[in-house]
């Protein structure tokens, strides 16, 4: 919690994206 993370999201039709931030809640 409150630590830095990088989340990789594997979406439909090979639409992947990255979320870089911190766990807030």
PDBML (XML) file of the C-alpha atoms, coordinates in Angstrom:
<?xml version="1.0" encoding="UTF-8" ?>
<PDBx:datablock datablockName="MODEL"
   xmlns:PDBx="http://pdbml.pdb.org/schema/pdbx-v50.xsd"
   xmlns:xsi="http://www.w3.org/2001/XMLSchema-instance"
   xsi:schemaLocation="http://pdbml.pdb.org/schema/pdbx-v50.xsd pdbx-v50.xsd">
   <PDBx:atom_siteCategory>
      <PDBx:atom_site id="1">
         <PDBx:B_iso_or_equiv>0.00</PDBx:B_iso_or_equiv>
         <PDBx:Cartn_x>0.000</PDBx:Cartn_x>
         <PDBx:Cartn_y>0.000</PDBx:Cartn_y>
         <PDBx:Cartn_z>0.000</PDBx:Cartn_z>
         <PDBx:auth_asym_id>A</PDBx:auth_asym_id>
         <PDBx:auth_atom_id>CA</PDBx:auth_atom_id>
         <PDBx:auth_comp_id>UNK</PDBx:auth_comp_id>
         <PDBx:auth_seq_id>1</PDBx:auth_seq_id>
         <PDBx:group_PDB>ATOM</PDBx:group_PDB>
         <PDBx:label_alt_id xsi:nil="true" />
         <PDBx:label_asym_id>A</PDBx:label_asym_id>
         <PDBx:label_atom_id>CA</PDBx:label_atom_id>
         <PDBx:label_comp_id>UNK</PDBx:label_comp_id>
         <PDBx:label_entity_id>1</PDBx:label_entity_id>
         <PDBx:label_seq_id>1</PDBx:label_seq_id>
         <PDBx:occupancy>1.00</PDBx:occupancy>
         <PDBx:pdbx_PDB_model_num>1</PDBx:pdbx_PDB_model_num>
         <PDBx:type_symbol>C</PDBx:type_symbol>
      </PDBx:atom_site>
      <PDBx:atom_site id="2">
         <PDBx:B_iso_or_equiv>0.00</PDBx:B_iso_or_equiv>
         <PDBx:Cartn_x>1.333</PDBx:Cartn_x>
         <PDBx:Cartn_y>3.434</PDBx:Cartn_y>
         <PDBx:Cartn_z>-1.069</PDBx:Cartn_z>
         <PDBx:auth_asym_id>A</PDBx:auth_asym_id>
         <PDBx:auth_atom_id>CA</PDBx:auth_atom_id>
         <PDBx:auth_comp_id>UNK</PDBx:auth_comp_id>
         <PDBx:auth_seq_id>2</PDBx:auth_seq_id>
         <PDBx:group_PDB>ATOM</PDBx:group_PDB>
         <PDBx:label_alt_id xsi:nil="true" />
         <PDBx:label_asym_id>A</PDBx:label_asym_id>
         <PDBx:label_atom_id>CA</PDBx:label_atom_id>
         <PDBx:label_comp_id>UNK</PDBx:label_comp_id>
         <PDBx:label_entity_id>1</PDBx:label_entity_id>
         <PDBx:label_seq_id>2</PDBx:label_seq_id>
         <PDBx:occupancy>1.00</PDBx:occupancy>
         <PDBx:pdbx_PDB_model_num>1</PDBx:pdbx_PDB_model_num>
         <PDBx:type_symbol>C</PDBx:type_symbol>
      </PDBx:atom_site>
      <PDBx:atom_site id="3">
         <PDBx:B_iso_or_equiv>0.00</PDBx:B_iso_or_equiv>
         <PDBx:Cartn_x>4.200</PDBx:Cartn_x>
         <PDBx:Cartn_y>1.673</PDBx:Cartn_y>
         <PDBx:Cartn_z>-2.862</PDBx:Cartn_z>
         <PDBx:auth_asym_id>A</PDBx:auth_asym_id>
         <PDBx:auth_atom_id>CA</PDBx:auth_atom_id>
         <PDBx:auth_comp_id>UNK</PDBx:auth_comp_id>
         <PDBx:auth_seq_id>3</PDBx:auth_seq_id>
         <PDBx:group_PDB>ATOM</PDBx:group_PDB>
         <PDBx:label_alt_id xsi:nil="true" />
         <PDBx:label_asym_id>A</PDBx:label_asym_id>
         <PDBx:label_atom_id>CA</PDBx:label_atom_id>
         <PDBx:label_comp_id>UNK</PDBx:label_comp_id>
         <PDBx:label_entity_id>1</PDBx:label_entity_id>
         <PDBx:label_seq_id>3</PDBx:label_seq_id>
         <PDBx:occupancy>1.00</PDBx:occupancy>
         <PDBx:pdbx_PDB_model_num>1</PDBx:pdbx_PDB_model_num>
         <PDBx:type_symbol>C</PDBx:type_symbol>
      </PDBx:atom_site>
      <PDBx:atom_site id="4">
         <PDBx:B_iso_or_equiv>0.00</PDBx:B_iso_or_equiv>
         <PDBx:Cartn_x>5.166</PDBx:Cartn_x>
         <PDBx:Cartn_y>2.158</PDBx:Cartn_y>
         <PDBx:Cartn_z>-6.496</PDBx:Cartn_z>
         <PDBx:auth_asym_id>A</PDBx:auth_asym_id>
         <PDBx:auth_atom_id>CA</PDBx:auth_atom_id>
         <PDBx:auth_comp_id>UNK</PDBx:auth_comp_id>
         <PDBx:auth_seq_id>4</PDBx:auth_seq_id>
         <PDBx:group_PDB>ATOM</PDBx:group_PDB>
         <PDBx:label_alt_id xsi:nil="true" />
         <PDBx:label_asym_id>A</PDBx:label_asym_id>
         <PDBx:label_atom_id>CA</PDBx:label_atom_id>
         <PDBx:label_comp_id>UNK</PDBx:label_comp_id>
         <PDBx:label_entity_id>1</PDBx:label_entity_id>
         <PDBx:label_seq_id>4</PDBx:label_seq_id>
         <PDBx:occupancy>1.00</PDBx:occupancy>
         <PDBx:pdbx_PDB_model_num>1</PDBx:pdbx_PDB_model_num>
         <PDBx:type_symbol>C</PDBx:type_symbol>
      </PDBx:atom_site>
      <PDBx:atom_site id="5">
         <PDBx:B_iso_or_equiv>0.00</PDBx:B_iso_or_equiv>
         <PDBx:Cartn_x>3.828</PDBx:Cartn_x>
         <PDBx:Cartn_y>-0.443</PDBx:Cartn_y>
         <PDBx:Cartn_z>-8.927</PDBx:Cartn_z>
         <PDBx:auth_asym_id>A</PDBx:auth_asym_id>
         <PDBx:auth_atom_id>CA</PDBx:auth_atom_id>
         <PDBx:auth_comp_id>UNK</PDBx:auth_comp_id>
         <PDBx:auth_seq_id>5</PDBx:auth_seq_id>
         <PDBx:group_PDB>ATOM</PDBx:group_PDB>
         <PDBx:label_alt_id xsi:nil="true" />
         <PDBx:label_asym_id>A</PDBx:label_asym_id>
         <PDBx:label_atom_id>CA</PDBx:label_atom_id>
         <PDBx:label_comp_id>UNK</PDBx:label_comp_id>
         <PDBx:label_entity_id>1</PDBx:label_entity_id>
         <PDBx:label_seq_id>5</PDBx:label_seq_id>
         <PDBx:occupancy>1.00</PDBx:occupancy>
         <PDBx:pdbx_PDB_model_num>1</PDBx:pdbx_PDB_model_num>
         <PDBx:type_symbol>C</PDBx:type_symbol>
      </PDBx:atom_site>
      <PDBx:atom_site id="6">
         <PDBx:B_iso_or_equiv>0.00</PDBx:B_iso_or_equiv>
         <PDBx:Cartn_x>3.710</PDBx:Cartn_x>
         <PDBx:Cartn_y>-1.148</PDBx:Cartn_y>
         <PDBx:Cartn_z>-12.608</PDBx:Cartn_z>
         <PDBx:auth_asym_id>A</PDBx:auth_asym_id>
         <PDBx:auth_atom_id>CA</PDBx:auth_atom_id>
         <PDBx:auth_comp_id>UNK</PDBx:auth_comp_id>
         <PDBx:auth_seq_id>6</PDBx:auth_seq_id>
         <PDBx:group_PDB>ATOM</PDBx:group_PDB>
         <PDBx:label_alt_id xsi:nil="true" />
         <PDBx:label_asym_id>A</PDBx:label_asym_id>
         <PDBx:label_atom_id>CA</PDBx:label_atom_id>
         <PDBx:label_comp_id>UNK</PDBx:label_comp_id>
         <PDBx:label_entity_id>1</PDBx:label_entity_id>
         <PDBx:label_seq_id>6</PDBx:label_seq_id>
         <PDBx:occupancy>1.00</PDBx:occupancy>
         <PDBx:pdbx_PDB_model_num>1</PDBx:pdbx_PDB_model_num>
         <PDBx:type_symbol>C</PDBx:type_symbol>
      </PDBx:atom_site>
      <PDBx:atom_site id="7">
         <PDBx:B_iso_or_equiv>0.00</PDBx:B_iso_or_equiv>
         <PDBx:Cartn_x>0.559</PDBx:Cartn_x>
         <PDBx:Cartn_y>-2.914</PDBx:Cartn_y>
         <PDBx:Cartn_z>-13.794</PDBx:Cartn_z>
         <PDBx:auth_asym_id>A</PDBx:auth_asym_id>
         <PDBx:auth_atom_id>CA</PDBx:auth_atom_id>
         <PDBx:auth_comp_id>UNK</PDBx:auth_comp_id>
         <PDBx:auth_seq_id>7</PDBx:auth_seq_id>
         <PDBx:group_PDB>ATOM</PDBx:group_PDB>
         <PDBx:label_alt_id xsi:nil="true" />
         <PDBx:label_asym_id>A</PDBx:label_asym_id>
         <PDBx:label_atom_id>CA</PDBx:label_atom_id>
         <PDBx:label_comp_id>UNK</PDBx:label_comp_id>
         <PDBx:label_entity_id>1</PDBx:label_entity_id>
         <PDBx:label_seq_id>7</PDBx:label_seq_id>
         <PDBx:occupancy>1.00</PDBx:occupancy>
         <PDBx:pdbx_PDB_model_num>1</PDBx:pdbx_PDB_model_num>
         <PDBx:type_symbol>C</PDBx:type_symbol>
      </PDBx:atom_site>
      <PDBx:atom_site id="8">
         <PDBx:B_iso_or_equiv>0.00</PDBx:B_iso_or_equiv>
         <PDBx:Cartn_x>0.426</PDBx:Cartn_x>
         <PDBx:Cartn_y>-4.546</PDBx:Cartn_y>
         <PDBx:Cartn_z>-17.223</PDBx:Cartn_z>
         <PDBx:auth_asym_id>A</PDBx:auth_asym_id>
         <PDBx:auth_atom_id>CA</PDBx:auth_atom_id>
         <PDBx:auth_comp_id>UNK</PDBx:auth_comp_id>
         <PDBx:auth_seq_id>8</PDBx:auth_seq_id>
         <PDBx:group_PDB>ATOM</PDBx:group_PDB>
         <PDBx:label_alt_id xsi:nil="true" />
         <PDBx:label_asym_id>A</PDBx:label_asym_id>
         <PDBx:label_atom_id>CA</PDBx:label_atom_id>
         <PDBx:label_comp_id>UNK</PDBx:label_comp_id>
         <PDBx:label_entity_id>1</PDBx:label_entity_id>
         <PDBx:label_seq_id>8</PDBx:label_seq_id>
         <PDBx:occupancy>1.00</PDBx:occupancy>
         <PDBx:pdbx_PDB_model_num>1</PDBx:pdbx_PDB_model_num>
         <PDBx:type_symbol>C</PDBx:type_symbol>
      </PDBx:atom_site>
      <PDBx:atom_site id="9">
         <PDBx:B_iso_or_equiv>0.00</PDBx:B_iso_or_equiv>
         <PDBx:Cartn_x>-3.116</PDBx:Cartn_x>
         <PDBx:Cartn_y>-4.936</PDBx:Cartn_y>
         <PDBx:Cartn_z>-18.527</PDBx:Cartn_z>
         <PDBx:auth_asym_id>A</PDBx:auth_asym_id>
         <PDBx:auth_atom_id>CA</PDBx:auth_atom_id>
         <PDBx:auth_comp_id>UNK</PDBx:auth_comp_id>
         <PDBx:auth_seq_id>9</PDBx:auth_seq_id>
         <PDBx:group_PDB>ATOM</PDBx:group_PDB>
         <PDBx:label_alt_id xsi:nil="true" />
         <PDBx:label_asym_id>A</PDBx:label_asym_id>
         <PDBx:label_atom_id>CA</PDBx:label_atom_id>
         <PDBx:label_comp_id>UNK</PDBx:label_comp_id>
         <PDBx:label_entity_id>1</PDBx:label_entity_id>
         <PDBx:label_seq_id>9</PDBx:label_seq_id>
         <PDBx:occupancy>1.00</PDBx:occupancy>
         <PDBx:pdbx_PDB_model_num>1</PDBx:pdbx_PDB_model_num>
         <PDBx:type_symbol>C</PDBx:type_symbol>
      </PDBx:atom_site>
      <PDBx:atom_site id="10">
         <PDBx:B_iso_or_equiv>0.00</PDBx:B_iso_or_equiv>
         <PDBx:Cartn_x>-3.729</PDBx:Cartn_x>
         <PDBx:Cartn_y>-7.558</PDBx:Cartn_y>
         <PDBx:Cartn_z>-21.179</PDBx:Cartn_z>
         <PDBx:auth_asym_id>A</PDBx:auth_asym_id>
         <PDBx:auth_atom_id>CA</PDBx:auth_atom_id>
         <PDBx:auth_comp_id>UNK</PDBx:auth_comp_id>
         <PDBx:auth_seq_id>10</PDBx:auth_seq_id>
         <PDBx:group_PDB>ATOM</PDBx:group_PDB>
         <PDBx:label_alt_id xsi:nil="true" />
         <PDBx:label_asym_id>A</PDBx:label_asym_id>
         <PDBx:label_atom_id>CA</PDBx:label_atom_id>
         <PDBx:label_comp_id>UNK</PDBx:label_comp_id>
         <PDBx:label_entity_id>1</PDBx:label_entity_id>
         <PDBx:label_seq_id>10</PDBx:label_seq_id>
         <PDBx:occupancy>1.00</PDBx:occupancy>
         <PDBx:pdbx_PDB_model_num>1</PDBx:pdbx_PDB_model_num>
         <PDBx:type_symbol>C</PDBx:type_symbol>
      </PDBx:atom_site>
      <PDBx:atom_site id="11">
         <PDBx:B_iso_or_equiv>0.00</PDBx:B_iso_or_equiv>
         <PDBx:Cartn_x>-6.853</PDBx:Cartn_x>
         <PDBx:Cartn_y>-6.395</PDBx:Cartn_y>
         <PDBx:Cartn_z>-23.034</PDBx:Cartn_z>
         <PDBx:auth_asym_id>A</PDBx:auth_asym_id>
         <PDBx:auth_atom_id>CA</PDBx:auth_atom_id>
         <PDBx:auth_comp_id>UNK</PDBx:auth_comp_id>
         <PDBx:auth_seq_id>11</PDBx:auth_seq_id>
         <PDBx:group_PDB>ATOM</PDBx:group_PDB>
         <PDBx:label_alt_id xsi:nil="true" />
         <PDBx:label_asym_id>A</PDBx:label_asym_id>
         <PDBx:label_atom_id>CA</PDBx:label_atom_id>
         <PDBx:label_comp_id>UNK</PDBx:label_comp_id>
         <PDBx:label_entity_id>1</PDBx:label_entity_id>
         <PDBx:label_seq_id>11</PDBx:label_seq_id>
         <PDBx:occupancy>1.00</PDBx:occupancy>
         <PDBx:pdbx_PDB_model_num>1</PDBx:pdbx_PDB_model_num>
         <PDBx:type_symbol>C</PDBx:type_symbol>
      </PDBx:atom_site>
      <PDBx:atom_site id="12">
         <PDBx:B_iso_or_equiv>0.00</PDBx:B_iso_or_equiv>
         <PDBx:Cartn_x>-8.968</PDBx:Cartn_x>
         <PDBx:Cartn_y>-7.731</PDBx:Cartn_y>
         <PDBx:Cartn_z>-25.831</PDBx:Cartn_z>
         <PDBx:auth_asym_id>A</PDBx:auth_asym_id>
         <PDBx:auth_atom_id>CA</PDBx:auth_atom_id>
         <PDBx:auth_comp_id>UNK</PDBx:auth_comp_id>
         <PDBx:auth_seq_id>12</PDBx:auth_seq_id>
         <PDBx:group_PDB>ATOM</PDBx:group_PDB>
         <PDBx:label_alt_id xsi:nil="true" />
         <PDBx:label_asym_id>A</PDBx:label_asym_id>
         <PDBx:label_atom_id>CA</PDBx:label_atom_id>
         <PDBx:label_comp_id>UNK</PDBx:label_comp_id>
         <PDBx:label_entity_id>1</PDBx:label_entity_id>
         <PDBx:label_seq_id>12</PDBx:label_seq_id>
         <PDBx:occupancy>1.00</PDBx:occupancy>
         <PDBx:pdbx_PDB_model_num>1</PDBx:pdbx_PDB_model_num>
         <PDBx:type_symbol>C</PDBx:type_symbol>
      </PDBx:atom_site>
      <PDBx:atom_site id="13">
         <PDBx:B_iso_or_equiv>0.00</PDBx:B_iso_or_equiv>
         <PDBx:Cartn_x>-7.601</PDBx:Cartn_x>
         <PDBx:Cartn_y>-7.993</PDBx:Cartn_y>
         <PDBx:Cartn_z>-29.345</PDBx:Cartn_z>
         <PDBx:auth_asym_id>A</PDBx:auth_asym_id>
         <PDBx:auth_atom_id>CA</PDBx:auth_atom_id>
         <PDBx:auth_comp_id>UNK</PDBx:auth_comp_id>
         <PDBx:auth_seq_id>13</PDBx:auth_seq_id>
         <PDBx:group_PDB>ATOM</PDBx:group_PDB>
         <PDBx:label_alt_id xsi:nil="true" />
         <PDBx:label_asym_id>A</PDBx:label_asym_id>
         <PDBx:label_atom_id>CA</PDBx:label_atom_id>
         <PDBx:label_comp_id>UNK</PDBx:label_comp_id>
         <PDBx:label_entity_id>1</PDBx:label_entity_id>
         <PDBx:label_seq_id>13</PDBx:label_seq_id>
         <PDBx:occupancy>1.00</PDBx:occupancy>
         <PDBx:pdbx_PDB_model_num>1</PDBx:pdbx_PDB_model_num>
         <PDBx:type_symbol>C</PDBx:type_symbol>
      </PDBx:atom_site>
      <PDBx:atom_site id="14">
         <PDBx:B_iso_or_equiv>0.00</PDBx:B_iso_or_equiv>
         <PDBx:Cartn_x>-4.001</PDBx:Cartn_x>
         <PDBx:Cartn_y>-7.642</PDBx:Cartn_y>
         <PDBx:Cartn_z>-28.145</PDBx:Cartn_z>
         <PDBx:auth_asym_id>A</PDBx:auth_asym_id>
         <PDBx:auth_atom_id>CA</PDBx:auth_atom_id>
         <PDBx:auth_comp_id>UNK</PDBx:auth_comp_id>
         <PDBx:auth_seq_id>14</PDBx:auth_seq_id>
         <PDBx:group_PDB>ATOM</PDBx:group_PDB>
         <PDBx:label_alt_id xsi:nil="true" />
         <PDBx:label_asym_id>A</PDBx:label_asym_id>
         <PDBx:label_atom_id>CA</PDBx:label_atom_id>
         <PDBx:label_comp_id>UNK</PDBx:label_comp_id>
         <PDBx:label_entity_id>1</PDBx:label_entity_id>
         <PDBx:label_seq_id>14</PDBx:label_seq_id>
         <PDBx:occupancy>1.00</PDBx:occupancy>
         <PDBx:pdbx_PDB_model_num>1</PDBx:pdbx_PDB_model_num>
         <PDBx:type_symbol>C</PDBx:type_symbol>
      </PDBx:atom_site>
      <PDBx:atom_site id="15">
         <PDBx:B_iso_or_equiv>0.00</PDBx:B_iso_or_equiv>
         <PDBx:Cartn_x>-4.575</PDBx:Cartn_x>
         <PDBx:Cartn_y>-4.108</PDBx:Cartn_y>
         <PDBx:Cartn_z>-26.848</PDBx:Cartn_z>
         <PDBx:auth_asym_id>A</PDBx:auth_asym_id>
         <PDBx:auth_atom_id>CA</PDBx:auth_atom_id>
         <PDBx:auth_comp_id>UNK</PDBx:auth_comp_id>
         <PDBx:auth_seq_id>15</PDBx:auth_seq_id>
         <PDBx:group_PDB>ATOM</PDBx:group_PDB>
         <PDBx:label_alt_id xsi:nil="true" />
         <PDBx:label_asym_id>A</PDBx:label_asym_id>
         <PDBx:label_atom_id>CA</PDBx:label_atom_id>
         <PDBx:label_comp_id>UNK</PDBx:label_comp_id>
         <PDBx:label_entity_id>1</PDBx:label_entity_id>
         <PDBx:label_seq_id>15</PDBx:label_seq_id>
         <PDBx:occupancy>1.00</PDBx:occupancy>
         <PDBx:pdbx_PDB_model_num>1</PDBx:pdbx_PDB_model_num>
         <PDBx:type_symbol>C</PDBx:type_symbol>
      </PDBx:atom_site>
      <PDBx:atom_site id="16">
         <PDBx:B_iso_or_equiv>0.00</PDBx:B_iso_or_equiv>
         <PDBx:Cartn_x>-2.214</PDBx:Cartn_x>
         <PDBx:Cartn_y>-4.089</PDBx:Cartn_y>
         <PDBx:Cartn_z>-23.909</PDBx:Cartn_z>
         <PDBx:auth_asym_id>A</PDBx:auth_asym_id>
         <PDBx:auth_atom_id>CA</PDBx:auth_atom_id>
         <PDBx:auth_comp_id>UNK</PDBx:auth_comp_id>
         <PDBx:auth_seq_id>16</PDBx:auth_seq_id>
         <PDBx:group_PDB>ATOM</PDBx:group_PDB>
         <PDBx:label_alt_id xsi:nil="true" />
         <PDBx:label_asym_id>A</PDBx:label_asym_id>
         <PDBx:label_atom_id>CA</PDBx:label_atom_id>
         <PDBx:label_comp_id>UNK</PDBx:label_comp_id>
         <PDBx:label_entity_id>1</PDBx:label_entity_id>
         <PDBx:label_seq_id>16</PDBx:label_seq_id>
         <PDBx:occupancy>1.00</PDBx:occupancy>
         <PDBx:pdbx_PDB_model_num>1</PDBx:pdbx_PDB_model_num>
         <PDBx:type_symbol>C</PDBx:type_symbol>
      </PDBx:atom_site>
      <PDBx:atom_site id="17">
         <PDBx:B_iso_or_equiv>0.00</PDBx:B_iso_or_equiv>
         <PDBx:Cartn_x>-1.289</PDBx:Cartn_x>
         <PDBx:Cartn_y>-1.086</PDBx:Cartn_y>
         <PDBx:Cartn_z>-21.817</PDBx:Cartn_z>
         <PDBx:auth_asym_id>A</PDBx:auth_asym_id>
         <PDBx:auth_atom_id>CA</PDBx:auth_atom_id>
         <PDBx:auth_comp_id>UNK</PDBx:auth_comp_id>
         <PDBx:auth_seq_id>17</PDBx:auth_seq_id>
         <PDBx:group_PDB>ATOM</PDBx:group_PDB>
         <PDBx:label_alt_id xsi:nil="true" />
         <PDBx:label_asym_id>A</PDBx:label_asym_id>
         <PDBx:label_atom_id>CA</PDBx:label_atom_id>
         <PDBx:label_comp_id>UNK</PDBx:label_comp_id>
         <PDBx:label_entity_id>1</PDBx:label_entity_id>
         <PDBx:label_seq_id>17</PDBx:label_seq_id>
         <PDBx:occupancy>1.00</PDBx:occupancy>
         <PDBx:pdbx_PDB_model_num>1</PDBx:pdbx_PDB_model_num>
         <PDBx:type_symbol>C</PDBx:type_symbol>
      </PDBx:atom_site>
      <PDBx:atom_site id="18">
         <PDBx:B_iso_or_equiv>0.00</PDBx:B_iso_or_equiv>
         <PDBx:Cartn_x>0.778</PDBx:Cartn_x>
         <PDBx:Cartn_y>-0.201</PDBx:Cartn_y>
         <PDBx:Cartn_z>-18.778</PDBx:Cartn_z>
         <PDBx:auth_asym_id>A</PDBx:auth_asym_id>
         <PDBx:auth_atom_id>CA</PDBx:auth_atom_id>
         <PDBx:auth_comp_id>UNK</PDBx:auth_comp_id>
         <PDBx:auth_seq_id>18</PDBx:auth_seq_id>
         <PDBx:group_PDB>ATOM</PDBx:group_PDB>
         <PDBx:label_alt_id xsi:nil="true" />
         <PDBx:label_asym_id>A</PDBx:label_asym_id>
         <PDBx:label_atom_id>CA</PDBx:label_atom_id>
         <PDBx:label_comp_id>UNK</PDBx:label_comp_id>
         <PDBx:label_entity_id>1</PDBx:label_entity_id>
         <PDBx:label_seq_id>18</PDBx:label_seq_id>
         <PDBx:occupancy>1.00</PDBx:occupancy>
         <PDBx:pdbx_PDB_model_num>1</PDBx:pdbx_PDB_model_num>
         <PDBx:type_symbol>C</PDBx:type_symbol>
      </PDBx:atom_site>
      <PDBx:atom_site id="19">
         <PDBx:B_iso_or_equiv>0.00</PDBx:B_iso_or_equiv>
         <PDBx:Cartn_x>-0.271</PDBx:Cartn_x>
         <PDBx:Cartn_y>1.667</PDBx:Cartn_y>
         <PDBx:Cartn_z>-15.623</PDBx:Cartn_z>
         <PDBx:auth_asym_id>A</PDBx:auth_asym_id>
         <PDBx:auth_atom_id>CA</PDBx:auth_atom_id>
         <PDBx:auth_comp_id>UNK</PDBx:auth_comp_id>
         <PDBx:auth_seq_id>19</PDBx:auth_seq_id>
         <PDBx:group_PDB>ATOM</PDBx:group_PDB>
         <PDBx:label_alt_id xsi:nil="true" />
         <PDBx:label_asym_id>A</PDBx:label_asym_id>
         <PDBx:label_atom_id>CA</PDBx:label_atom_id>
         <PDBx:label_comp_id>UNK</PDBx:label_comp_id>
         <PDBx:label_entity_id>1</PDBx:label_entity_id>
         <PDBx:label_seq_id>19</PDBx:label_seq_id>
         <PDBx:occupancy>1.00</PDBx:occupancy>
         <PDBx:pdbx_PDB_model_num>1</PDBx:pdbx_PDB_model_num>
         <PDBx:type_symbol>C</PDBx:type_symbol>
      </PDBx:atom_site>
      <PDBx:atom_site id="20">
         <PDBx:B_iso_or_equiv>0.00</PDBx:B_iso_or_equiv>
         <PDBx:Cartn_x>2.575</PDBx:Cartn_x>
         <PDBx:Cartn_y>3.137</PDBx:Cartn_y>
         <PDBx:Cartn_z>-13.550</PDBx:Cartn_z>
         <PDBx:auth_asym_id>A</PDBx:auth_asym_id>
         <PDBx:auth_atom_id>CA</PDBx:auth_atom_id>
         <PDBx:auth_comp_id>UNK</PDBx:auth_comp_id>
         <PDBx:auth_seq_id>20</PDBx:auth_seq_id>
         <PDBx:group_PDB>ATOM</PDBx:group_PDB>
         <PDBx:label_alt_id xsi:nil="true" />
         <PDBx:label_asym_id>A</PDBx:label_asym_id>
         <PDBx:label_atom_id>CA</PDBx:label_atom_id>
         <PDBx:label_comp_id>UNK</PDBx:label_comp_id>
         <PDBx:label_entity_id>1</PDBx:label_entity_id>
         <PDBx:label_seq_id>20</PDBx:label_seq_id>
         <PDBx:occupancy>1.00</PDBx:occupancy>
         <PDBx:pdbx_PDB_model_num>1</PDBx:pdbx_PDB_model_num>
         <PDBx:type_symbol>C</PDBx:type_symbol>
      </PDBx:atom_site>
      <PDBx:atom_site id="21">
         <PDBx:B_iso_or_equiv>0.00</PDBx:B_iso_or_equiv>
         <PDBx:Cartn_x>1.738</PDBx:Cartn_x>
         <PDBx:Cartn_y>4.661</PDBx:Cartn_y>
         <PDBx:Cartn_z>-10.194</PDBx:Cartn_z>
         <PDBx:auth_asym_id>A</PDBx:auth_asym_id>
         <PDBx:auth_atom_id>CA</PDBx:auth_atom_id>
         <PDBx:auth_comp_id>UNK</PDBx:auth_comp_id>
         <PDBx:auth_seq_id>21</PDBx:auth_seq_id>
         <PDBx:group_PDB>ATOM</PDBx:group_PDB>
         <PDBx:label_alt_id xsi:nil="true" />
         <PDBx:label_asym_id>A</PDBx:label_asym_id>
         <PDBx:label_atom_id>CA</PDBx:label_atom_id>
         <PDBx:label_comp_id>UNK</PDBx:label_comp_id>
         <PDBx:label_entity_id>1</PDBx:label_entity_id>
         <PDBx:label_seq_id>21</PDBx:label_seq_id>
         <PDBx:occupancy>1.00</PDBx:occupancy>
         <PDBx:pdbx_PDB_model_num>1</PDBx:pdbx_PDB_model_num>
         <PDBx:type_symbol>C</PDBx:type_symbol>
      </PDBx:atom_site>
      <PDBx:atom_site id="22">
         <PDBx:B_iso_or_equiv>0.00</PDBx:B_iso_or_equiv>
         <PDBx:Cartn_x>1.196</PDBx:Cartn_x>
         <PDBx:Cartn_y>3.714</PDBx:Cartn_y>
         <PDBx:Cartn_z>-6.572</PDBx:Cartn_z>
         <PDBx:auth_asym_id>A</PDBx:auth_asym_id>
         <PDBx:auth_atom_id>CA</PDBx:auth_atom_id>
         <PDBx:auth_comp_id>UNK</PDBx:auth_comp_id>
         <PDBx:auth_seq_id>22</PDBx:auth_seq_id>
         <PDBx:group_PDB>ATOM</PDBx:group_PDB>
         <PDBx:label_alt_id xsi:nil="true" />
         <PDBx:label_asym_id>A</PDBx:label_asym_id>
         <PDBx:label_atom_id>CA</PDBx:label_atom_id>
         <PDBx:label_comp_id>UNK</PDBx:label_comp_id>
         <PDBx:label_entity_id>1</PDBx:label_entity_id>
         <PDBx:label_seq_id>22</PDBx:label_seq_id>
         <PDBx:occupancy>1.00</PDBx:occupancy>
         <PDBx:pdbx_PDB_model_num>1</PDBx:pdbx_PDB_model_num>
         <PDBx:type_symbol>C</PDBx:type_symbol>
      </PDBx:atom_site>
      <PDBx:atom_site id="23">
         <PDBx:B_iso_or_equiv>0.00</PDBx:B_iso_or_equiv>
         <PDBx:Cartn_x>-1.393</PDBx:Cartn_x>
         <PDBx:Cartn_y>1.603</PDBx:Cartn_y>
         <PDBx:Cartn_z>-4.771</PDBx:Cartn_z>
         <PDBx:auth_asym_id>A</PDBx:auth_asym_id>
         <PDBx:auth_atom_id>CA</PDBx:auth_atom_id>
         <PDBx:auth_comp_id>UNK</PDBx:auth_comp_id>
         <PDBx:auth_seq_id>23</PDBx:auth_seq_id>
         <PDBx:group_PDB>ATOM</PDBx:group_PDB>
         <PDBx:label_alt_id xsi:nil="true" />
         <PDBx:label_asym_id>A</PDBx:label_asym_id>
         <PDBx:label_atom_id>CA</PDBx:label_atom_id>
         <PDBx:label_comp_id>UNK</PDBx:label_comp_id>
         <PDBx:label_entity_id>1</PDBx:label_entity_id>
         <PDBx:label_seq_id>23</PDBx:label_seq_id>
         <PDBx:occupancy>1.00</PDBx:occupancy>
         <PDBx:pdbx_PDB_model_num>1</PDBx:pdbx_PDB_model_num>
         <PDBx:type_symbol>C</PDBx:type_symbol>
      </PDBx:atom_site>
      <PDBx:atom_site id="24">
         <PDBx:B_iso_or_equiv>0.00</PDBx:B_iso_or_equiv>
         <PDBx:Cartn_x>-3.636</PDBx:Cartn_x>
         <PDBx:Cartn_y>4.227</PDBx:Cartn_y>
         <PDBx:Cartn_z>-3.200</PDBx:Cartn_z>
         <PDBx:auth_asym_id>A</PDBx:auth_asym_id>
         <PDBx:auth_atom_id>CA</PDBx:auth_atom_id>
         <PDBx:auth_comp_id>UNK</PDBx:auth_comp_id>
         <PDBx:auth_seq_id>24</PDBx:auth_seq_id>
         <PDBx:group_PDB>ATOM</PDBx:group_PDB>
         <PDBx:label_alt_id xsi:nil="true" />
         <PDBx:label_asym_id>A</PDBx:label_asym_id>
         <PDBx:label_atom_id>CA</PDBx:label_atom_id>
         <PDBx:label_comp_id>UNK</PDBx:label_comp_id>
         <PDBx:label_entity_id>1</PDBx:label_entity_id>
         <PDBx:label_seq_id>24</PDBx:label_seq_id>
         <PDBx:occupancy>1.00</PDBx:occupancy>
         <PDBx:pdbx_PDB_model_num>1</PDBx:pdbx_PDB_model_num>
         <PDBx:type_symbol>C</PDBx:type_symbol>
      </PDBx:atom_site>
      <PDBx:atom_site id="25">
         <PDBx:B_iso_or_equiv>0.00</PDBx:B_iso_or_equiv>
         <PDBx:Cartn_x>-6.430</PDBx:Cartn_x>
         <PDBx:Cartn_y>2.134</PDBx:Cartn_y>
         <PDBx:Cartn_z>-1.643</PDBx:Cartn_z>
         <PDBx:auth_asym_id>A</PDBx:auth_asym_id>
         <PDBx:auth_atom_id>CA</PDBx:auth_atom_id>
         <PDBx:auth_comp_id>UNK</PDBx:auth_comp_id>
         <PDBx:auth_seq_id>25</PDBx:auth_seq_id>
         <PDBx:group_PDB>ATOM</PDBx:group_PDB>
         <PDBx:label_alt_id xsi:nil="true" />
         <PDBx:label_asym_id>A</PDBx:label_asym_id>
         <PDBx:label_atom_id>CA</PDBx:label_atom_id>
         <PDBx:label_comp_id>UNK</PDBx:label_comp_id>
         <PDBx:label_entity_id>1</PDBx:label_entity_id>
         <PDBx:label_seq_id>25</PDBx:label_seq_id>
         <PDBx:occupancy>1.00</PDBx:occupancy>
         <PDBx:pdbx_PDB_model_num>1</PDBx:pdbx_PDB_model_num>
         <PDBx:type_symbol>C</PDBx:type_symbol>
      </PDBx:atom_site>
   </PDBx:atom_siteCategory>
</PDBx:datablock>
